[in-house]
PDB file of all heavy atoms in Angstrom:
ATOM      1  N   VAL A   1     104.073 107.601  94.960  1.00  0.00           N
ATOM      2  CA  VAL A   1     102.820 108.184  95.324  1.00  0.00           C
ATOM      3  C   VAL A   1     102.964 109.583  95.888  1.00  0.00           C
ATOM      4  O   VAL A   1     102.159 110.485  95.628  1.00  0.00           O
ATOM      5  CB  VAL A   1     102.136 107.267  96.400  1.00  0.00           C
ATOM      6  CG1 VAL A   1     100.889 107.903  97.014  1.00  0.00           C
ATOM      7  CG2 VAL A   1     101.765 105.882  95.733  1.00  0.00           C
ATOM      8  N   ILE A   2     104.010 109.821  96.634  1.00  0.00           N
ATOM      9  CA  ILE A   2     104.272 111.167  97.199  1.00  0.00           C
ATOM     10  C   ILE A   2     104.473 112.152  96.050  1.00  0.00           C
ATOM     11  O   ILE A   2     103.860 113.274  96.068  1.00  0.00           O
ATOM     12  CB  ILE A   2     105.531 111.193  98.103  1.00  0.00           C
ATOM     13  CG1 ILE A   2     105.256 110.482  99.384  1.00  0.00           C
ATOM     14  CG2 ILE A   2     106.027 112.600  98.315  1.00  0.00           C
ATOM     15  CD1 ILE A   2     106.461 110.175 100.213  1.00  0.00           C
ATOM     16  N   LEU A   3     105.153 111.832  95.045  1.00  0.00           N
ATOM     17  CA  LEU A   3     105.367 112.656  93.863  1.00  0.00           C
ATOM     18  C   LEU A   3     104.015 113.034  93.210  1.00  0.00           C
ATOM     19  O   LEU A   3     103.707 114.173  92.947  1.00  0.00           O
ATOM     20  CB  LEU A   3     106.340 112.048  92.880  1.00  0.00           C
ATOM     21  CG  LEU A   3     106.653 112.887  91.667  1.00  0.00           C
ATOM     22  CD1 LEU A   3     107.343 114.216  92.085  1.00  0.00           C
ATOM     23  CD2 LEU A   3     107.587 112.073  90.778  1.00  0.00           C
ATOM     24  N   ALA A   4     103.246 111.947  92.937  1.00  0.00           N
ATOM     25  CA  ALA A   4     101.954 112.182  92.295  1.00  0.00           C
ATOM     26  C   ALA A   4     100.970 113.028  93.169  1.00  0.00           C
ATOM     27  O   ALA A   4     100.330 113.928  92.751  1.00  0.00           O
ATOM     28  CB  ALA A   4     101.290 110.880  91.976  1.00  0.00           C
ATOM     29  N   ASP A   5     100.954 112.601  94.451  1.00  0.00           N
ATOM     30  CA  ASP A   5     100.060 113.335  95.375  1.00  0.00           C
ATOM     31  C   ASP A   5     100.416 114.830  95.556  1.00  0.00           C
ATOM     32  O   ASP A   5      99.604 115.696  95.617  1.00  0.00           O
ATOM     33  CB  ASP A   5     100.057 112.700  96.798  1.00  0.00           C
ATOM     34  CG  ASP A   5      99.248 111.439  96.854  1.00  0.00           C
ATOM     35  OD1 ASP A   5      98.581 111.058  95.868  1.00  0.00           O
ATOM     36  OD2 ASP A   5      99.392 110.701  97.884  1.00  0.00           O
ATOM     37  N   SER A   6     101.738 115.087  95.615  1.00  0.00           N
ATOM     38  CA  SER A   6     102.167 116.456  95.797  1.00  0.00           C
ATOM     39  C   SER A   6     101.758 117.306  94.583  1.00  0.00           C
ATOM     40  O   SER A   6     101.329 118.452  94.742  1.00  0.00           O
ATOM     41  CB  SER A   6     103.676 116.557  95.983  1.00  0.00           C
ATOM     42  OG  SER A   6     104.381 116.083  94.881  1.00  0.00           O
ATOM     43  N   ILE A   7     101.847 116.751  93.406  1.00  0.00           N
ATOM     44  CA  ILE A   7     101.425 117.526  92.178  1.00  0.00           C
ATOM     45  C   ILE A   7      99.929 117.789  92.262  1.00  0.00           C
ATOM     46  O   ILE A   7      99.504 118.904  92.010  1.00  0.00           O
ATOM     47  CB  ILE A   7     101.839 116.751  90.923  1.00  0.00           C
ATOM     48  CG1 ILE A   7     103.344 116.725  90.802  1.00  0.00           C
ATOM     49  CG2 ILE A   7     101.150 117.392  89.707  1.00  0.00           C
ATOM     50  CD1 ILE A   7     103.868 115.758  89.778  1.00  0.00           C
ATOM     51  N   ILE A   8      99.174 116.799  92.607  1.00  0.00           N
ATOM     52  CA  ILE A   8      97.717 116.909  92.617  1.00  0.00           C
ATOM     53  C   ILE A   8      97.270 117.902  93.704  1.00  0.00           C
ATOM     54  O   ILE A   8      96.444 118.807  93.497  1.00  0.00           O
ATOM     55  CB  ILE A   8      97.013 115.520  92.818  1.00  0.00           C
ATOM     56  CG1 ILE A   8      97.271 114.720  91.595  1.00  0.00           C
ATOM     57  CG2 ILE A   8      95.525 115.684  93.104  1.00  0.00           C
ATOM     58  CD1 ILE A   8      96.948 113.258  91.791  1.00  0.00           C
ATOM     59  N   VAL A   9      97.757 117.667  94.986  1.00  0.00           N
ATOM     60  CA  VAL A   9      97.341 118.592  96.066  1.00  0.00           C
ATOM     61  C   VAL A   9      97.741 120.002  95.819  1.00  0.00           C
ATOM     62  O   VAL A   9      96.957 120.916  96.077  1.00  0.00           O
ATOM     63  CB  VAL A   9      97.928 118.035  97.434  1.00  0.00           C
ATOM     64  CG1 VAL A   9      97.616 119.026  98.567  1.00  0.00           C
ATOM     65  CG2 VAL A   9      97.319 116.649  97.748  1.00  0.00           C
ATOM     66  N   PHE A  10      98.991 120.198  95.321  1.00  0.00           N
ATOM     67  CA  PHE A  10      99.389 121.560  95.071  1.00  0.00           C
ATOM     68  C   PHE A  10      98.611 122.222  93.963  1.00  0.00           C
ATOM     69  O   PHE A  10      98.250 123.451  94.030  1.00  0.00           O
ATOM     70  CB  PHE A  10     100.896 121.715  94.774  1.00  0.00           C
ATOM     71  CG  PHE A  10     101.373 123.089  94.673  1.00  0.00           C
ATOM     72  CD1 PHE A  10     101.533 123.899  95.755  1.00  0.00           C
ATOM     73  CD2 PHE A  10     101.604 123.699  93.366  1.00  0.00           C
ATOM     74  CE1 PHE A  10     101.997 125.195  95.678  1.00  0.00           C
ATOM     75  CE2 PHE A  10     102.035 124.916  93.288  1.00  0.00           C
ATOM     76  CZ  PHE A  10     102.207 125.728  94.399  1.00  0.00           C
ATOM     77  N   ALA A  11      98.273 121.445  92.949  1.00  0.00           N
ATOM     78  CA  ALA A  11      97.444 122.006  91.830  1.00  0.00           C
ATOM     79  C   ALA A  11      96.126 122.457  92.313  1.00  0.00           C
ATOM     80  O   ALA A  11      95.540 123.431  91.841  1.00  0.00           O
ATOM     81  CB  ALA A  11      97.314 120.927  90.742  1.00  0.00           C
ATOM     82  N   ILE A  12      95.554 121.796  93.348  1.00  0.00           N
ATOM     83  CA  ILE A  12      94.226 122.108  93.873  1.00  0.00           C
ATOM     84  C   ILE A  12      94.314 123.290  94.870  1.00  0.00           C
ATOM     85  O   ILE A  12      93.530 124.223  94.840  1.00  0.00           O
ATOM     86  CB  ILE A  12      93.603 120.892  94.556  1.00  0.00           C
ATOM     87  CG1 ILE A  12      93.229 119.827  93.448  1.00  0.00           C
ATOM     88  CG2 ILE A  12      92.278 121.260  95.347  1.00  0.00           C
ATOM     89  CD1 ILE A  12      92.819 118.489  94.009  1.00  0.00           C
ATOM     90  N   THR A  13      95.309 123.253  95.728  1.00  0.00           N
ATOM     91  CA  THR A  13      95.423 124.213  96.872  1.00  0.00           C
ATOM     92  C   THR A  13      96.252 125.421  96.549  1.00  0.00           C
ATOM     93  O   THR A  13      96.056 126.511  97.105  1.00  0.00           O
ATOM     94  CB  THR A  13      95.859 123.553  98.135  1.00  0.00           C
ATOM     95  OG1 THR A  13      97.269 123.133  97.911  1.00  0.00           O
ATOM     96  CG2 THR A  13      95.041 122.359  98.556  1.00  0.00           C
ATOM     97  N   HIS A  14      97.294 125.258  95.743  1.00  0.00           N
ATOM     98  CA  HIS A  14      98.312 126.315  95.493  1.00  0.00           C
ATOM     99  C   HIS A  14      98.948 126.760  96.787  1.00  0.00           C
ATOM    100  O   HIS A  14      99.381 127.919  96.918  1.00  0.00           O
ATOM    101  CB  HIS A  14      97.664 127.502  94.768  1.00  0.00           C
ATOM    102  CG  HIS A  14      97.148 127.123  93.485  1.00  0.00           C
ATOM    103  ND1 HIS A  14      97.926 126.829  92.339  1.00  0.00           N
ATOM    104  CD2 HIS A  14      95.851 126.950  93.000  1.00  0.00           C
ATOM    105  CE1 HIS A  14      97.180 126.504  91.296  1.00  0.00           C
ATOM    106  NE2 HIS A  14      95.938 126.560  91.685  1.00  0.00           N
ATOM    107  N   ARG A  15      99.047 125.861  97.789  1.00  0.00           N
ATOM    108  CA  ARG A  15      99.695 126.207  99.076  1.00  0.00           C
ATOM    109  C   ARG A  15     100.650 125.150  99.424  1.00  0.00           C
ATOM    110  O   ARG A  15     100.331 123.945  99.525  1.00  0.00           O
ATOM    111  CB  ARG A  15      98.630 126.245 100.189  1.00  0.00           C
ATOM    112  CG  ARG A  15      97.748 127.479 100.058  1.00  0.00           C
ATOM    113  CD  ARG A  15      96.763 127.557 101.173  1.00  0.00           C
ATOM    114  NE  ARG A  15      97.417 127.467 102.512  1.00  0.00           N
ATOM    115  CZ  ARG A  15      96.713 127.302 103.632  1.00  0.00           C
ATOM    116  NH1 ARG A  15      95.401 127.244 103.612  1.00  0.00           N
ATOM    117  NH2 ARG A  15      97.390 127.172 104.745  1.00  0.00           N
ATOM    118  N   PHE A  16     101.960 125.509  99.639  1.00  0.00           N
ATOM    119  CA  PHE A  16     102.992 124.556  99.966  1.00  0.00           C
ATOM    120  C   PHE A  16     102.795 124.000 101.338  1.00  0.00           C
ATOM    121  O   PHE A  16     103.001 122.769 101.566  1.00  0.00           O
ATOM    122  CB  PHE A  16     104.344 125.222  99.890  1.00  0.00           C
ATOM    123  CG  PHE A  16     104.836 125.523  98.519  1.00  0.00           C
ATOM    124  CD1 PHE A  16     104.953 126.761  98.017  1.00  0.00           C
ATOM    125  CD2 PHE A  16     105.204 124.446  97.676  1.00  0.00           C
ATOM    126  CE1 PHE A  16     105.359 127.083  96.721  1.00  0.00           C
ATOM    127  CE2 PHE A  16     105.642 124.723  96.392  1.00  0.00           C
ATOM    128  CZ  PHE A  16     105.719 126.002  95.896  1.00  0.00           C
ATOM    129  N   ASP A  17     102.341 124.812 102.295  1.00  0.00           N
ATOM    130  CA  ASP A  17     102.225 124.319 103.679  1.00  0.00           C
ATOM    131  C   ASP A  17     101.109 123.273 103.791  1.00  0.00           C
ATOM    132  O   ASP A  17     101.261 122.231 104.394  1.00  0.00           O
ATOM    133  CB  ASP A  17     101.965 125.454 104.616  1.00  0.00           C
ATOM    134  CG  ASP A  17     100.660 126.255 104.315  1.00  0.00           C
ATOM    135  OD1 ASP A  17     100.265 126.284 103.116  1.00  0.00           O
ATOM    136  OD2 ASP A  17     100.099 126.878 105.245  1.00  0.00           O
ATOM    137  N   LEU A  18      99.963 123.515 103.126  1.00  0.00           N
ATOM    138  CA  LEU A  18      98.858 122.539 103.177  1.00  0.00           C
ATOM    139  C   LEU A  18      99.252 121.257 102.412  1.00  0.00           C
ATOM    140  O   LEU A  18      98.962 120.142 102.829  1.00  0.00           O
ATOM    141  CB  LEU A  18      97.609 123.169 102.537  1.00  0.00           C
ATOM    142  CG  LEU A  18      96.327 122.349 102.653  1.00  0.00           C
ATOM    143  CD1 LEU A  18      96.026 122.017 104.156  1.00  0.00           C
ATOM    144  CD2 LEU A  18      95.215 123.126 102.081  1.00  0.00           C
ATOM    145  N   THR A  19      99.943 121.455 101.285  1.00  0.00           N
ATOM    146  CA  THR A  19     100.383 120.280 100.481  1.00  0.00           C
ATOM    147  C   THR A  19     101.354 119.423 101.373  1.00  0.00           C
ATOM    148  O   THR A  19     101.204 118.198 101.439  1.00  0.00           O
ATOM    149  CB  THR A  19     101.169 120.745  99.247  1.00  0.00           C
ATOM    150  OG1 THR A  19     100.213 121.500  98.448  1.00  0.00           O
ATOM    151  CG2 THR A  19     101.649 119.518  98.445  1.00  0.00           C
ATOM    152  N   LEU A  20     102.294 120.036 102.033  1.00  0.00           N
ATOM    153  CA  LEU A  20     103.191 119.303 102.874  1.00  0.00           C
ATOM    154  C   LEU A  20     102.506 118.539 104.026  1.00  0.00           C
ATOM    155  O   LEU A  20     102.829 117.369 104.303  1.00  0.00           O
ATOM    156  CB  LEU A  20     104.330 120.234 103.455  1.00  0.00           C
ATOM    157  CG  LEU A  20     105.413 119.593 104.213  1.00  0.00           C
ATOM    158  CD1 LEU A  20     106.170 118.574 103.381  1.00  0.00           C
ATOM    159  CD2 LEU A  20     106.349 120.685 104.777  1.00  0.00           C
ATOM    160  N   GLY A  21     101.542 119.268 104.679  1.00  0.00           N
ATOM    161  CA  GLY A  21     100.840 118.616 105.772  1.00  0.00           C
ATOM    162  C   GLY A  21     100.074 117.396 105.327  1.00  0.00           C
ATOM    163  O   GLY A  21     100.072 116.351 105.968  1.00  0.00           O
ATOM    164  N   VAL A  22      99.352 117.532 104.233  1.00  0.00           N
ATOM    165  CA  VAL A  22      98.610 116.393 103.667  1.00  0.00           C
ATOM    166  C   VAL A  22      99.502 115.266 103.311  1.00  0.00           C
ATOM    167  O   VAL A  22      99.260 114.087 103.627  1.00  0.00           O
ATOM    168  CB  VAL A  22      97.757 116.857 102.424  1.00  0.00           C
ATOM    169  CG1 VAL A  22      97.181 115.661 101.665  1.00  0.00           C
ATOM    170  CG2 VAL A  22      96.614 117.804 102.861  1.00  0.00           C
ATOM    171  N   LEU A  23     100.599 115.563 102.685  1.00  0.00           N
ATOM    172  CA  LEU A  23     101.539 114.515 102.287  1.00  0.00           C
ATOM    173  C   LEU A  23     102.093 113.773 103.405  1.00  0.00           C
ATOM    174  O   LEU A  23     102.289 112.516 103.398  1.00  0.00           O
ATOM    175  CB  LEU A  23     102.663 115.108 101.400  1.00  0.00           C
ATOM    176  CG  LEU A  23     102.241 115.600  99.977  1.00  0.00           C
ATOM    177  CD1 LEU A  23     103.410 116.202  99.306  1.00  0.00           C
ATOM    178  CD2 LEU A  23     101.667 114.482  99.174  1.00  0.00           C
ATOM    179  N   ILE A  24     102.550 114.504 104.431  1.00  0.00           N
ATOM    180  CA  ILE A  24     103.165 113.859 105.605  1.00  0.00           C
ATOM    181  C   ILE A  24     102.194 112.876 106.255  1.00  0.00           C
ATOM    182  O   ILE A  24     102.548 111.698 106.535  1.00  0.00           O
ATOM    183  CB  ILE A  24     103.681 114.883 106.635  1.00  0.00           C
ATOM    184  CG1 ILE A  24     104.891 115.597 106.055  1.00  0.00           C
ATOM    185  CG2 ILE A  24     104.020 114.269 107.942  1.00  0.00           C
ATOM    186  CD1 ILE A  24     105.316 116.838 106.805  1.00  0.00           C
ATOM    187  N   ILE A  25     101.031 113.371 106.608  1.00  0.00           N
ATOM    188  CA  ILE A  25     100.032 112.503 107.318  1.00  0.00           C
ATOM    189  C   ILE A  25      99.615 111.307 106.478  1.00  0.00           C
ATOM    190  O   ILE A  25      99.589 110.179 106.887  1.00  0.00           O
ATOM    191  CB  ILE A  25      98.787 113.311 107.750  1.00  0.00           C
ATOM    192  CG1 ILE A  25      99.257 114.290 108.823  1.00  0.00           C
ATOM    193  CG2 ILE A  25      97.703 112.424 108.239  1.00  0.00           C
ATOM    194  CD1 ILE A  25      98.243 115.381 109.112  1.00  0.00           C
ATOM    195  N   SER A  26      99.274 111.609 105.220  1.00  0.00           N
ATOM    196  CA  SER A  26      98.792 110.546 104.324  1.00  0.00           C
ATOM    197  C   SER A  26      99.814 109.465 104.035  1.00  0.00           C
ATOM    198  O   SER A  26      99.533 108.322 104.060  1.00  0.00           O
ATOM    199  CB  SER A  26      98.318 111.222 103.017  1.00  0.00           C
ATOM    200  OG  SER A  26      98.004 110.248 102.060  1.00  0.00           O
ATOM    201  N   ASN A  27     101.057 109.911 103.783  1.00  0.00           N
ATOM    202  CA  ASN A  27     102.031 108.972 103.325  1.00  0.00           C
ATOM    203  C   ASN A  27     102.662 108.108 104.455  1.00  0.00           C
ATOM    204  O   ASN A  27     103.007 106.989 104.225  1.00  0.00           O
ATOM    205  CB  ASN A  27     103.045 109.602 102.478  1.00  0.00           C
ATOM    206  CG  ASN A  27     102.481 109.933 101.146  1.00  0.00           C
ATOM    207  OD1 ASN A  27     102.234 109.071 100.288  1.00  0.00           O
ATOM    208  ND2 ASN A  27     102.190 111.188 100.814  1.00  0.00           N
ATOM    209  N   ILE A  28     102.780 108.700 105.630  1.00  0.00           N
ATOM    210  CA  ILE A  28     103.300 107.890 106.771  1.00  0.00           C
ATOM    211  C   ILE A  28     102.287 106.751 107.073  1.00  0.00           C
ATOM    212  O   ILE A  28     102.629 105.607 107.185  1.00  0.00           O
ATOM    213  CB  ILE A  28     103.559 108.770 107.989  1.00  0.00           C
ATOM    214  CG1 ILE A  28     104.818 109.607 107.759  1.00  0.00           C
ATOM    215  CG2 ILE A  28     103.726 107.915 109.258  1.00  0.00           C
ATOM    216  CD1 ILE A  28     105.103 110.628 108.777  1.00  0.00           C
ATOM    217  N   SER A  29     101.013 107.148 107.211  1.00  0.00           N
ATOM    218  CA  SER A  29      99.986 106.143 107.499  1.00  0.00           C
ATOM    219  C   SER A  29      99.848 105.097 106.362  1.00  0.00           C
ATOM    220  O   SER A  29      99.720 103.891 106.609  1.00  0.00           O
ATOM    221  CB  SER A  29      98.638 106.801 107.792  1.00  0.00           C
ATOM    222  OG  SER A  29      98.171 107.460 106.668  1.00  0.00           O
ATOM    223  N   SER A  30      99.929 105.514 105.125  1.00  0.00           N
ATOM    224  CA  SER A  30      99.820 104.564 104.006  1.00  0.00           C
ATOM    225  C   SER A  30     100.985 103.642 103.916  1.00  0.00           C
ATOM    226  O   SER A  30     100.858 102.490 103.542  1.00  0.00           O
ATOM    227  CB  SER A  30      99.708 105.407 102.684  1.00  0.00           C
ATOM    228  OG  SER A  30      98.477 106.084 102.656  1.00  0.00           O
ATOM    229  N   THR A  31     102.211 104.166 104.223  1.00  0.00           N
ATOM    230  CA  THR A  31     103.372 103.276 104.206  1.00  0.00           C
ATOM    231  C   THR A  31     103.273 102.200 105.206  1.00  0.00           C
ATOM    232  O   THR A  31     103.575 101.019 104.937  1.00  0.00           O
ATOM    233  CB  THR A  31     104.621 104.148 104.452  1.00  0.00           C
ATOM    234  OG1 THR A  31     104.762 105.096 103.413  1.00  0.00           O
ATOM    235  CG2 THR A  31     105.872 103.276 104.427  1.00  0.00           C
ATOM    236  N   ILE A  32     102.850 102.571 106.445  1.00  0.00           N
ATOM    237  CA  ILE A  32     102.677 101.537 107.453  1.00  0.00           C
ATOM    238  C   ILE A  32     101.626 100.470 107.066  1.00  0.00           C
ATOM    239  O   ILE A  32     101.835  99.276 107.162  1.00  0.00           O
ATOM    240  CB  ILE A  32     102.299 102.195 108.790  1.00  0.00           C
ATOM    241  CG1 ILE A  32     103.512 103.022 109.292  1.00  0.00           C
ATOM    242  CG2 ILE A  32     101.876 101.205 109.842  1.00  0.00           C
ATOM    243  CD1 ILE A  32     103.202 103.989 110.435  1.00  0.00           C
ATOM    244  N   LEU A  33     100.515 100.962 106.547  1.00  0.00           N
ATOM    245  CA  LEU A  33      99.427 100.077 106.134  1.00  0.00           C
ATOM    246  C   LEU A  33      99.884  99.130 104.980  1.00  0.00           C
ATOM    247  O   LEU A  33      99.591  97.925 104.993  1.00  0.00           O
ATOM    248  CB  LEU A  33      98.170 100.793 105.722  1.00  0.00           C
ATOM    249  CG  LEU A  33      97.427 101.472 106.894  1.00  0.00           C
ATOM    250  CD1 LEU A  33      96.325 102.376 106.402  1.00  0.00           C
ATOM    251  CD2 LEU A  33      96.861 100.410 107.847  1.00  0.00           C
ATOM    252  N   TYR A  34     100.583  99.643 104.029  1.00  0.00           N
ATOM    253  CA  TYR A  34     101.110  98.828 102.918  1.00  0.00           C
ATOM    254  C   TYR A  34     102.047  97.779 103.379  1.00  0.00           C
ATOM    255  O   TYR A  34     101.953  96.613 102.989  1.00  0.00           O
ATOM    256  CB  TYR A  34     101.748  99.767 101.844  1.00  0.00           C
ATOM    257  CG  TYR A  34     102.302  98.983 100.700  1.00  0.00           C
ATOM    258  CD1 TYR A  34     101.470  98.604  99.668  1.00  0.00           C
ATOM    259  CD2 TYR A  34     103.611  98.587 100.628  1.00  0.00           C
ATOM    260  CE1 TYR A  34     101.979  97.822  98.613  1.00  0.00           C
ATOM    261  CE2 TYR A  34     104.132  97.894  99.565  1.00  0.00           C
ATOM    262  CZ  TYR A  34     103.322  97.518  98.547  1.00  0.00           C
ATOM    263  OH  TYR A  34     103.784  96.785  97.516  1.00  0.00           O
ATOM    264  N   PHE A  35     102.943  98.139 104.259  1.00  0.00           N
ATOM    265  CA  PHE A  35     103.905  97.204 104.818  1.00  0.00           C
ATOM    266  C   PHE A  35     103.223  96.079 105.515  1.00  0.00           C
ATOM    267  O   PHE A  35     103.458  94.919 105.303  1.00  0.00           O
ATOM    268  CB  PHE A  35     104.931  97.896 105.693  1.00  0.00           C
ATOM    269  CG  PHE A  35     105.930  96.934 106.302  1.00  0.00           C
ATOM    270  CD1 PHE A  35     106.964  96.418 105.612  1.00  0.00           C
ATOM    271  CD2 PHE A  35     105.753  96.530 107.686  1.00  0.00           C
ATOM    272  CE1 PHE A  35     107.877  95.521 106.158  1.00  0.00           C
ATOM    273  CE2 PHE A  35     106.633  95.664 108.238  1.00  0.00           C
ATOM    274  CZ  PHE A  35     107.700  95.199 107.501  1.00  0.00           C
ATOM    275  N   LEU A  36     102.256  96.441 106.389  1.00  0.00           N
ATOM    276  CA  LEU A  36     101.510  95.372 107.117  1.00  0.00           C
ATOM    277  C   LEU A  36     100.699  94.507 106.156  1.00  0.00           C
ATOM    278  O   LEU A  36     100.636  93.268 106.295  1.00  0.00           O
ATOM    279  CB  LEU A  36     100.525  96.024 108.111  1.00  0.00           C
ATOM    280  CG  LEU A  36     101.230  96.769 109.241  1.00  0.00           C
ATOM    281  CD1 LEU A  36     100.189  97.532 110.085  1.00  0.00           C
ATOM    282  CD2 LEU A  36     102.016  95.797 110.105  1.00  0.00           C
ATOM    283  N   HIS A  37     100.121  95.093 105.088  1.00  0.00           N
ATOM    284  CA  HIS A  37      99.363  94.347 104.078  1.00  0.00           C
ATOM    285  C   HIS A  37     100.294  93.347 103.373  1.00  0.00           C
ATOM    286  O   HIS A  37      99.938  92.174 103.186  1.00  0.00           O
ATOM    287  CB  HIS A  37      98.775  95.345 103.074  1.00  0.00           C
ATOM    288  CG  HIS A  37      98.104  94.709 101.961  1.00  0.00           C
ATOM    289  ND1 HIS A  37      98.698  94.492 100.696  1.00  0.00           N
ATOM    290  CD2 HIS A  37      96.844  94.240 101.808  1.00  0.00           C
ATOM    291  CE1 HIS A  37      97.826  93.939  99.894  1.00  0.00           C
ATOM    292  NE2 HIS A  37      96.667  93.790 100.574  1.00  0.00           N
TER     293      HIS A  37
END
């Protein structure tokens, strides 16, 4: 998911810093939720 999300977010924003921020927040929370699920 990180790989797919990074491609999509970077394609939209063209910014590495914004892409990294979105990926960190989104994927940490999603990993925890998936594990609990």
